[in-house]
Amino acid sequence: MTSVELSFQKTGDDSSPPLLIMHGLFGSGRNWNGLARKFAEQFCVYTLDLRNHGGSPHSSEMDYPNMALDVAAFMDKMGLDRATILAHSMGGKAAMWLALTQPEKVERLVAVDIAPVHYDHSFSGIIQGLKSIPLESVGSRKEADNYLSKVLTEVGLRQFLLQNLNIQNGQRSWRVNLEVIEQSIDKILAFPDTDEARAYLKPVLFVGGGQSDYILPEHLPVIEALFPQAKIETIFNAGHWLHAEQPVKFVEIVMRFLSEK
């Protein structure tokens, strides 16, 4: 495995304890800019772009051991012995794997609407929708949205996805590595074999959306086995993007957990 050098933004004072924020599939660190400013009142916040996303390098390898390796290498480069990690969806799985395999690096963990399990969700519609956009001829995001709307009806989802469209100096490209994501989607939906992984014994908060199916009662045994100190909170009137749908409640729940001794 070879790490890639992650793109990041830093918010807050160097003297504050470090908090790493890791986004989900098709996202980037800048999705979290607003919340990063909130958390920067008490933390030095690093919002990361994971491999094949945002401004970070593209790689043919896309699985959780590699993503965790990237984060560990980032911490080493920044001189961070350990950090608190707040991570959503795919980023949450990468953060969980880092906590299980290099627990000394993770002070505590907040996993946002994700469990260490295999999911049966399909992203083929999203991937095919993005691939259907003729990059060589679209001149704007609005034009790209006209193509995407034929496949995806949800406006908010389309706006989120089209943040990945880079239009600069007449050149158009995807910030995400669509080909590798498509090839690796089974690994992204899964979670690595945990037979050799030790349980992570430090505090963990799982925050789920009440309208989401990513943290379900049947997931609790595996959560408790791998993360025996886990607490689970639910924001009932929110879905998978609970941090965007209910930001005030989300910050309140997370800060309460992070301020516990």
C-alpha atoms as a PDB file:
ATOM      1  CA  MET A   1       0.000   0.000   0.000  1.00  0.00           C
ATOM      2  CA  THR A   2       1.199   3.504  -0.830  1.00  0.00           C
ATOM      3  CA  SER A   3      -0.261   6.616   0.767  1.00  0.00           C
ATOM      4  CA  VAL A   4      -1.259   9.703  -1.207  1.00  0.00           C
ATOM      5  CA  GLU A   5      -0.714  13.236   0.102  1.00  0.00           C
ATOM      6  CA  LEU A   6      -4.121  14.571   1.086  1.00  0.00           C
ATOM      7  CA  SER A   7      -5.340  18.057   0.241  1.00  0.00           C
ATOM      8  CA  PHE A   8      -6.720  19.875   3.288  1.00  0.00           C
ATOM      9  CA  GLN A   9      -7.897  23.150   4.775  1.00  0.00           C
ATOM     10  CA  LYS A  10      -6.989  24.270   8.261  1.00  0.00           C
ATOM     11  CA  THR A  11      -9.230  26.381  10.484  1.00  0.00           C
ATOM     12  CA  GLY A  12      -8.468  27.468  14.029  1.00  0.00           C
ATOM     13  CA  ASP A  13      -5.532  27.970  16.354  1.00  0.00           C
ATOM     14  CA  ASP A  14      -2.475  25.693  16.318  1.00  0.00           C
ATOM     15  CA  SER A  15      -2.519  25.660  20.117  1.00  0.00           C
ATOM     16  CA  SER A  16      -5.979  24.028  20.184  1.00  0.00           C
ATOM     17  CA  PRO A  17      -6.355  20.231  20.125  1.00  0.00           C
ATOM     18  CA  PRO A  18      -6.524  18.817  16.580  1.00  0.00           C
ATOM     19  CA  LEU A  19      -9.798  17.679  14.996  1.00  0.00           C
ATOM     20  CA  LEU A  20      -9.765  15.943  11.606  1.00  0.00           C
ATOM     21  CA  ILE A  21     -12.956  16.031   9.513  1.00  0.00           C
ATOM     22  CA  MET A  22     -13.439  13.371   6.830  1.00  0.00           C
ATOM     23  CA  HIS A  23     -16.211  13.598   4.227  1.00  0.00           C
ATOM     24  CA  GLY A  24     -18.316  10.904   2.558  1.00  0.00           C
ATOM     25  CA  LEU A  25     -18.482   9.452  -0.951  1.00  0.00           C
ATOM     26  CA  PHE A  26     -18.619  12.126  -3.696  1.00  0.00           C
ATOM     27  CA  GLY A  27     -17.962  14.806  -1.067  1.00  0.00           C
ATOM     28  CA  SER A  28     -14.948  16.929  -0.164  1.00  0.00           C
ATOM     29  CA  GLY A  29     -13.589  18.828   2.784  1.00  0.00           C
ATOM     30  CA  ARG A  30     -15.232  22.041   1.645  1.00  0.00           C
ATOM     31  CA  ASN A  31     -18.683  20.515   2.275  1.00  0.00           C
ATOM     32  CA  TRP A  32     -17.728  20.944   5.938  1.00  0.00           C
ATOM     33  CA  ASN A  33     -16.367  24.510   5.843  1.00  0.00           C
ATOM     34  CA  GLY A  34     -19.278  26.057   7.742  1.00  0.00           C
ATOM     35  CA  LEU A  35     -19.204  23.464  10.512  1.00  0.00           C
ATOM     36  CA  ALA A  36     -15.401  23.593  10.623  1.00  0.00           C
ATOM     37  CA  ARG A  37     -15.627  27.251  11.641  1.00  0.00           C
ATOM     38  CA  LYS A  38     -17.946  26.268  14.510  1.00  0.00           C
ATOM     39  CA  PHE A  39     -15.652  23.510  15.742  1.00  0.00           C
ATOM     40  CA  ALA A  40     -12.630  25.815  15.349  1.00  0.00           C
ATOM     41  CA  GLU A  41     -13.850  27.751  18.394  1.00  0.00           C
ATOM     42  CA  GLN A  42     -12.387  24.889  20.447  1.00  0.00           C
ATOM     43  CA  PHE A  43     -10.247  22.862  18.025  1.00  0.00           C
ATOM     44  CA  CYS A  44      -7.636  23.284  15.339  1.00  0.00           C
ATOM     45  CA  VAL A  45      -9.687  21.770  12.511  1.00  0.00           C
ATOM     46  CA  TYR A  46      -8.273  20.002   9.453  1.00  0.00           C
ATOM     47  CA  THR A  47     -10.886  19.271   6.771  1.00  0.00           C
ATOM     48  CA  LEU A  48      -9.423  16.593   4.524  1.00  0.00           C
ATOM     49  CA  ASP A  49     -10.084  15.610   0.921  1.00  0.00           C
ATOM     50  CA  LEU A  50      -9.848  11.817   0.825  1.00  0.00           C
ATOM     51  CA  ARG A  51      -8.089  10.086  -2.085  1.00  0.00           C
ATOM     52  CA  ASN A  52      -9.917  10.304  -5.425  1.00  0.00           C
ATOM     53  CA  HIS A  53     -11.943  13.256  -4.073  1.00  0.00           C
ATOM     54  CA  GLY A  54     -11.645  17.046  -3.972  1.00  0.00           C
ATOM     55  CA  GLY A  55      -8.120  18.332  -4.461  1.00  0.00           C
ATOM     56  CA  SER A  56      -6.399  15.096  -3.423  1.00  0.00           C
ATOM     57  CA  PRO A  57      -4.555  12.864  -5.892  1.00  0.00           C
ATOM     58  CA  HIS A  58      -6.290  10.156  -7.870  1.00  0.00           C
ATOM     59  CA  SER A  59      -5.221   6.577  -7.212  1.00  0.00           C
ATOM     60  CA  SER A  60      -6.203   3.207  -8.650  1.00  0.00           C
ATOM     61  CA  GLU A  61      -6.514   1.811  -5.102  1.00  0.00           C
ATOM     62  CA  MET A  62      -9.704   2.709  -3.231  1.00  0.00           C
ATOM     63  CA  ASP A  63     -10.331   0.814  -0.017  1.00  0.00           C
ATOM     64  CA  TYR A  64     -10.395   1.549   3.701  1.00  0.00           C
ATOM     65  CA  PRO A  65      -6.882   0.314   4.598  1.00  0.00           C
ATOM     66  CA  ASN A  66      -5.472   2.675   1.951  1.00  0.00           C
ATOM     67  CA  MET A  67      -7.660   5.595   3.052  1.00  0.00           C
ATOM     68  CA  ALA A  68      -6.656   5.047   6.686  1.00  0.00           C
ATOM     69  CA  LEU A  69      -3.003   4.915   5.605  1.00  0.00           C
ATOM     70  CA  ASP A  70      -3.422   8.309   3.905  1.00  0.00           C
ATOM     71  CA  VAL A  71      -4.804   9.850   7.100  1.00  0.00           C
ATOM     72  CA  ALA A  72      -2.026   8.340   9.226  1.00  0.00           C
ATOM     73  CA  ALA A  73       0.573   9.723   6.786  1.00  0.00           C
ATOM     74  CA  PHE A  74      -1.137  13.137   6.887  1.00  0.00           C
ATOM     75  CA  MET A  75      -0.957  13.159  10.683  1.00  0.00           C
ATOM     76  CA  ASP A  76       2.721  12.208  10.599  1.00  0.00           C
ATOM     77  CA  LYS A  77       3.469  14.972   8.086  1.00  0.00           C
ATOM     78  CA  MET A  78       1.637  17.558  10.214  1.00  0.00           C
ATOM     79  CA  GLY A  79       3.350  16.378  13.401  1.00  0.00           C
ATOM     80  CA  LEU A  80       0.088  15.202  14.984  1.00  0.00           C
ATOM     81  CA  ASP A  81       0.695  12.295  17.362  1.00  0.00           C
ATOM     82  CA  ARG A  82      -3.032  11.852  17.883  1.00  0.00           C
ATOM     83  CA  ALA A  83      -6.250  13.615  16.931  1.00  0.00           C
ATOM     84  CA  THR A  84      -9.986  13.491  17.409  1.00  0.00           C
ATOM     85  CA  ILE A  85     -11.719  12.435  14.197  1.00  0.00           C
ATOM     86  CA  LEU A  86     -15.185  13.436  12.975  1.00  0.00           C
ATOM     87  CA  ALA A  87     -16.095  11.486   9.864  1.00  0.00           C
ATOM     88  CA  HIS A  88     -19.191  10.987   7.703  1.00  0.00           C
ATOM     89  CA  SER A  89     -20.280   7.888   5.799  1.00  0.00           C
ATOM     90  CA  MET A  90     -17.350   6.556   3.711  1.00  0.00           C
ATOM     91  CA  GLY A  91     -14.988   8.790   5.707  1.00  0.00           C
ATOM     92  CA  GLY A  92     -16.438   7.284   8.871  1.00  0.00           C
ATOM     93  CA  LYS A  93     -15.489   3.788   7.759  1.00  0.00           C
ATOM     94  CA  ALA A  94     -11.941   4.935   6.966  1.00  0.00           C
ATOM     95  CA  ALA A  95     -11.734   6.595  10.391  1.00  0.00           C
ATOM     96  CA  MET A  96     -13.050   3.460  12.117  1.00  0.00           C
ATOM     97  CA  TRP A  97     -10.413   1.360  10.361  1.00  0.00           C
ATOM     98  CA  LEU A  98      -7.685   3.783  11.469  1.00  0.00           C
ATOM     99  CA  ALA A  99      -8.992   3.609  15.054  1.00  0.00           C
ATOM    100  CA  LEU A 100      -9.035  -0.201  14.995  1.00  0.00           C
ATOM    101  CA  THR A 101      -5.585  -0.612  13.439  1.00  0.00           C
ATOM    102  CA  GLN A 102      -3.686   2.409  14.838  1.00  0.00           C
ATOM    103  CA  PRO A 103      -5.640   3.287  18.005  1.00  0.00           C
ATOM    104  CA  GLU A 104      -2.795   5.376  19.406  1.00  0.00           C
ATOM    105  CA  LYS A 105      -3.452   7.958  16.662  1.00  0.00           C
ATOM    106  CA  VAL A 106      -7.166   8.435  17.433  1.00  0.00           C
ATOM    107  CA  GLU A 107      -8.037  10.359  20.605  1.00  0.00           C
ATOM    108  CA  ARG A 108     -11.755   9.804  20.144  1.00  0.00           C
ATOM    109  CA  LEU A 109     -14.046   9.260  17.199  1.00  0.00           C
ATOM    110  CA  VAL A 110     -17.373  10.603  15.938  1.00  0.00           C
ATOM    111  CA  ALA A 111     -18.858   8.406  13.188  1.00  0.00           C
ATOM    112  CA  VAL A 112     -21.644  10.220  11.337  1.00  0.00           C
ATOM    113  CA  ASP A 113     -24.471   8.036   9.977  1.00  0.00           C
ATOM    114  CA  ILE A 114     -22.362   4.971   9.267  1.00  0.00           C
ATOM    115  CA  ALA A 115     -21.665   1.582  10.862  1.00  0.00           C
ATOM    116  CA  PRO A 116     -18.780  -0.893  10.361  1.00  0.00           C
ATOM    117  CA  VAL A 117     -20.924  -3.161   8.189  1.00  0.00           C
ATOM    118  CA  HIS A 118     -21.556  -4.113   4.563  1.00  0.00           C
ATOM    119  CA  TYR A 119     -24.341  -2.131   2.870  1.00  0.00           C
ATOM    120  CA  ASP A 120     -26.524  -3.146  -0.058  1.00  0.00           C
ATOM    121  CA  HIS A 121     -27.116   0.426  -1.237  1.00  0.00           C
ATOM    122  CA  SER A 122     -26.701   1.057  -4.949  1.00  0.00           C
ATOM    123  CA  PHE A 123     -24.744   3.995  -6.322  1.00  0.00           C
ATOM    124  CA  SER A 124     -24.962   2.843  -9.927  1.00  0.00           C
ATOM    125  CA  GLY A 125     -27.638   5.448 -10.756  1.00  0.00           C
ATOM    126  CA  ILE A 126     -25.444   8.267  -9.462  1.00  0.00           C
ATOM    127  CA  ILE A 127     -22.330   6.982 -11.216  1.00  0.00           C
ATOM    128  CA  GLN A 128     -24.111   6.401 -14.529  1.00  0.00           C
ATOM    129  CA  GLY A 129     -25.811   9.798 -14.217  1.00  0.00           C
ATOM    130  CA  LEU A 130     -22.477  11.573 -13.785  1.00  0.00           C
ATOM    131  CA  LYS A 131     -20.908   9.583 -16.612  1.00  0.00           C
ATOM    132  CA  SER A 132     -23.822  10.533 -18.893  1.00  0.00           C
ATOM    133  CA  ILE A 133     -22.825  14.215 -18.782  1.00  0.00           C
ATOM    134  CA  PRO A 134     -20.812  15.031 -21.949  1.00  0.00           C
ATOM    135  CA  LEU A 135     -17.934  16.969 -20.385  1.00  0.00           C
ATOM    136  CA  GLU A 136     -16.561  18.019 -23.761  1.00  0.00           C
ATOM    137  CA  SER A 137     -19.699  20.030 -24.559  1.00  0.00           C
ATOM    138  CA  VAL A 138     -21.243  21.297 -21.287  1.00  0.00           C
ATOM    139  CA  GLY A 139     -20.453  24.937 -20.588  1.00  0.00           C
ATOM    140  CA  SER A 140     -21.845  25.327 -17.080  1.00  0.00           C
ATOM    141  CA  ARG A 141     -23.113  23.454 -14.042  1.00  0.00           C
ATOM    142  CA  LYS A 142     -26.650  24.439 -15.046  1.00  0.00           C
ATOM    143  CA  GLU A 143     -26.174  22.716 -18.377  1.00  0.00           C
ATOM    144  CA  ALA A 144     -24.706  19.666 -16.644  1.00  0.00           C
ATOM    145  CA  ASP A 145     -27.694  19.639 -14.304  1.00  0.00           C
ATOM    146  CA  ASN A 146     -30.031  19.403 -17.303  1.00  0.00           C
ATOM    147  CA  TYR A 147     -28.400  16.071 -18.186  1.00  0.00           C
ATOM    148  CA  LEU A 148     -28.257  14.833 -14.594  1.00  0.00           C
ATOM    149  CA  SER A 149     -31.914  15.705 -13.932  1.00  0.00           C
ATOM    150  CA  LYS A 150     -32.938  13.057 -16.473  1.00  0.00           C
ATOM    151  CA  VAL A 151     -31.488  10.421 -14.147  1.00  0.00           C
ATOM    152  CA  LEU A 152     -31.729  11.946 -10.647  1.00  0.00           C
ATOM    153  CA  THR A 153     -34.863  13.813  -9.564  1.00  0.00           C
ATOM    154  CA  GLU A 154     -33.593  15.092  -6.181  1.00  0.00           C
ATOM    155  CA  VAL A 155     -32.372  18.672  -6.638  1.00  0.00           C
ATOM    156  CA  GLY A 156     -30.246  18.780  -3.479  1.00  0.00           C
ATOM    157  CA  LEU A 157     -28.432  15.578  -4.417  1.00  0.00           C
ATOM    158  CA  ARG A 158     -27.691  16.907  -7.906  1.00  0.00           C
ATOM    159  CA  GLN A 159     -26.318  20.171  -6.493  1.00  0.00           C
ATOM    160  CA  PHE A 160     -24.108  18.203  -4.092  1.00  0.00           C
ATOM    161  CA  LEU A 161     -22.784  15.944  -6.864  1.00  0.00           C
ATOM    162  CA  LEU A 162     -22.168  18.793  -9.301  1.00  0.00           C
ATOM    163  CA  GLN A 163     -19.800  20.457  -6.834  1.00  0.00           C
ATOM    164  CA  ASN A 164     -17.406  17.847  -8.243  1.00  0.00           C
ATOM    165  CA  LEU A 165     -17.537  19.377 -11.722  1.00  0.00           C
ATOM    166  CA  ASN A 166     -14.445  21.485 -12.322  1.00  0.00           C
ATOM    167  CA  ILE A 167     -14.841  24.109 -15.077  1.00  0.00           C
ATOM    168  CA  GLN A 168     -11.686  26.184 -15.522  1.00  0.00           C
ATOM    169  CA  ASN A 169     -10.177  27.983 -18.512  1.00  0.00           C
ATOM    170  CA  GLY A 170     -12.558  26.191 -20.837  1.00  0.00           C
ATOM    171  CA  GLN A 171     -11.493  22.796 -19.463  1.00  0.00           C
ATOM    172  CA  ARG A 172     -13.998  20.508 -17.768  1.00  0.00           C
ATOM    173  CA  SER A 173     -13.137  17.581 -15.512  1.00  0.00           C
ATOM    174  CA  TRP A 174     -14.368  15.656 -12.489  1.00  0.00           C
ATOM    175  CA  ARG A 175     -12.657  16.228  -9.161  1.00  0.00           C
ATOM    176  CA  VAL A 176     -13.709  12.715  -8.169  1.00  0.00           C
ATOM    177  CA  ASN A 177     -12.146   9.699  -9.849  1.00  0.00           C
ATOM    178  CA  LEU A 178     -15.366   8.252 -11.256  1.00  0.00           C
ATOM    179  CA  GLU A 179     -13.755   5.251 -12.944  1.00  0.00           C
ATOM    180  CA  VAL A 180     -11.982   4.022  -9.813  1.00  0.00           C
ATOM    181  CA  ILE A 181     -14.998   4.729  -7.587  1.00  0.00           C
ATOM    182  CA  GLU A 182     -17.130   2.639  -9.946  1.00  0.00           C
ATOM    183  CA  GLN A 183     -14.574  -0.192  -9.949  1.00  0.00           C
ATOM    184  CA  SER A 184     -14.195  -0.038  -6.146  1.00  0.00           C
ATOM    185  CA  ILE A 185     -17.816   0.448  -5.095  1.00  0.00           C
ATOM    186  CA  ASP A 186     -18.080  -3.044  -3.553  1.00  0.00           C
ATOM    187  CA  LYS A 187     -15.088  -2.279  -1.302  1.00  0.00           C
ATOM    188  CA  ILE A 188     -16.597   1.101  -0.373  1.00  0.00           C
ATOM    189  CA  LEU A 189     -19.931  -0.486   0.552  1.00  0.00           C
ATOM    190  CA  ALA A 190     -18.176  -3.206   2.573  1.00  0.00           C
ATOM    191  CA  PHE A 191     -16.002  -3.006   5.693  1.00  0.00           C
ATOM    192  CA  PRO A 192     -12.649  -4.806   5.937  1.00  0.00           C
ATOM    193  CA  ASP A 193     -12.396  -8.155   7.680  1.00  0.00           C
ATOM    194  CA  THR A 194     -12.107  -7.375  11.383  1.00  0.00           C
ATOM    195  CA  ASP A 195     -10.855 -10.786  12.557  1.00  0.00           C
ATOM    196  CA  GLU A 196      -7.366  -9.439  13.212  1.00  0.00           C
ATOM    197  CA  ALA A 197      -8.441  -5.981  14.349  1.00  0.00           C
ATOM    198  CA  ARG A 198      -8.564  -5.279  18.046  1.00  0.00           C
ATOM    199  CA  ALA A 199     -11.485  -3.463  19.569  1.00  0.00           C
ATOM    200  CA  TYR A 200     -11.000   0.299  19.932  1.00  0.00           C
ATOM    201  CA  LEU A 201     -11.398   1.045  23.634  1.00  0.00           C
ATOM    202  CA  LYS A 202     -11.585   4.850  23.653  1.00  0.00           C
ATOM    203  CA  PRO A 203     -14.790   6.937  23.448  1.00  0.00           C
ATOM    204  CA  VAL A 204     -16.792   6.777  20.219  1.00  0.00           C
ATOM    205  CA  LEU A 205     -19.998   8.567  19.274  1.00  0.00           C
ATOM    206  CA  PHE A 206     -22.202   7.263  16.479  1.00  0.00           C
ATOM    207  CA  VAL A 207     -24.646   9.962  15.324  1.00  0.00           C
ATOM    208  CA  GLY A 208     -27.403   8.745  13.031  1.00  0.00           C
ATOM    209  CA  GLY A 209     -30.240  10.334  11.124  1.00  0.00           C
ATOM    210  CA  GLY A 210     -33.666   9.090  12.170  1.00  0.00           C
ATOM    211  CA  GLN A 211     -34.805   9.088   8.533  1.00  0.00           C
ATOM    212  CA  SER A 212     -31.702   7.198   7.365  1.00  0.00           C
ATOM    213  CA  ASP A 213     -31.125   3.436   7.187  1.00  0.00           C
ATOM    214  CA  TYR A 214     -27.365   3.553   7.742  1.00  0.00           C
ATOM    215  CA  ILE A 215     -27.427   2.791  11.495  1.00  0.00           C
ATOM    216  CA  LEU A 216     -30.029   0.129  12.278  1.00  0.00           C
ATOM    217  CA  PRO A 217     -30.763  -1.991  15.382  1.00  0.00           C
ATOM    218  CA  GLU A 218     -29.171  -5.033  13.712  1.00  0.00           C
ATOM    219  CA  HIS A 219     -25.884  -3.101  13.451  1.00  0.00           C
ATOM    220  CA  LEU A 220     -25.590  -2.613  17.224  1.00  0.00           C
ATOM    221  CA  PRO A 221     -23.882  -5.957  18.056  1.00  0.00           C
ATOM    222  CA  VAL A 222     -20.975  -5.334  15.669  1.00  0.00           C
ATOM    223  CA  ILE A 223     -20.688  -1.690  16.803  1.00  0.00           C
ATOM    224  CA  GLU A 224     -20.533  -2.799  20.445  1.00  0.00           C
ATOM    225  CA  ALA A 225     -18.031  -5.582  19.692  1.00  0.00           C
ATOM    226  CA  LEU A 226     -15.578  -3.300  17.877  1.00  0.00           C
ATOM    227  CA  PHE A 227     -16.271  -0.123  19.872  1.00  0.00           C
ATOM    228  CA  PRO A 228     -17.288  -1.153  23.408  1.00  0.00           C
ATOM    229  CA  GLN A 229     -17.277   2.487  24.619  1.00  0.00           C
ATOM    230  CA  ALA A 230     -19.662   3.569  21.847  1.00  0.00           C
ATOM    231  CA  LYS A 231     -22.584   5.892  22.451  1.00  0.00           C
ATOM    232  CA  ILE A 232     -25.318   6.233  19.847  1.00  0.00           C
ATOM    233  CA  GLU A 233     -27.372   9.387  19.302  1.00  0.00           C
ATOM    234  CA  THR A 234     -30.112   9.962  16.749  1.00  0.00           C
ATOM    235  CA  ILE A 235     -31.282  13.206  15.152  1.00  0.00           C
ATOM    236  CA  PHE A 236     -34.795  12.068  14.347  1.00  0.00           C
ATOM    237  CA  ASN A 237     -35.852  14.689  11.792  1.00  0.00           C
ATOM    238  CA  ALA A 238     -32.792  14.201   9.572  1.00  0.00           C
ATOM    239  CA  GLY A 239     -31.517  11.768   6.958  1.00  0.00           C
ATOM    240  CA  HIS A 240     -28.053  10.658   5.859  1.00  0.00           C
ATOM    241  CA  TRP A 241     -26.767  14.257   5.517  1.00  0.00           C
ATOM    242  CA  LEU A 242     -27.865  15.113   9.062  1.00  0.00           C
ATOM    243  CA  HIS A 243     -24.989  17.578   9.585  1.00  0.00           C
ATOM    244  CA  ALA A 244     -26.307  19.663   6.664  1.00  0.00           C
ATOM    245  CA  GLU A 245     -30.004  19.186   7.472  1.00  0.00           C
ATOM    246  CA  GLN A 246     -29.786  19.881  11.224  1.00  0.00           C
ATOM    247  CA  PRO A 247     -26.451  21.684  11.749  1.00  0.00           C
ATOM    248  CA  VAL A 248     -27.314  23.342  15.073  1.00  0.00           C
ATOM    249  CA  LYS A 249     -28.484  20.102  16.682  1.00  0.00           C
ATOM    250  CA  PHE A 250     -25.558  18.222  15.149  1.00  0.00           C
ATOM    251  CA  VAL A 251     -22.937  20.629  16.549  1.00  0.00           C
ATOM    252  CA  GLU A 252     -24.642  20.567  19.954  1.00  0.00           C
ATOM    253  CA  ILE A 253     -24.549  16.735  20.144  1.00  0.00           C
ATOM    254  CA  VAL A 254     -20.965  16.464  18.886  1.00  0.00           C
ATOM    255  CA  MET A 255     -19.594  19.239  21.110  1.00  0.00           C
ATOM    256  CA  ARG A 256     -21.286  17.732  24.160  1.00  0.00           C
ATOM    257  CA  PHE A 257     -19.518  14.429  23.447  1.00  0.00           C
ATOM    258  CA  LEU A 258     -16.154  16.047  22.690  1.00  0.00           C
ATOM    259  CA  SER A 259     -16.227  18.080  25.908  1.00  0.00           C
ATOM    260  CA  GLU A 260     -16.795  15.022  28.121  1.00  0.00           C
ATOM    261  CA  LYS A 261     -13.844  14.078  30.282  1.00  0.00           C
END
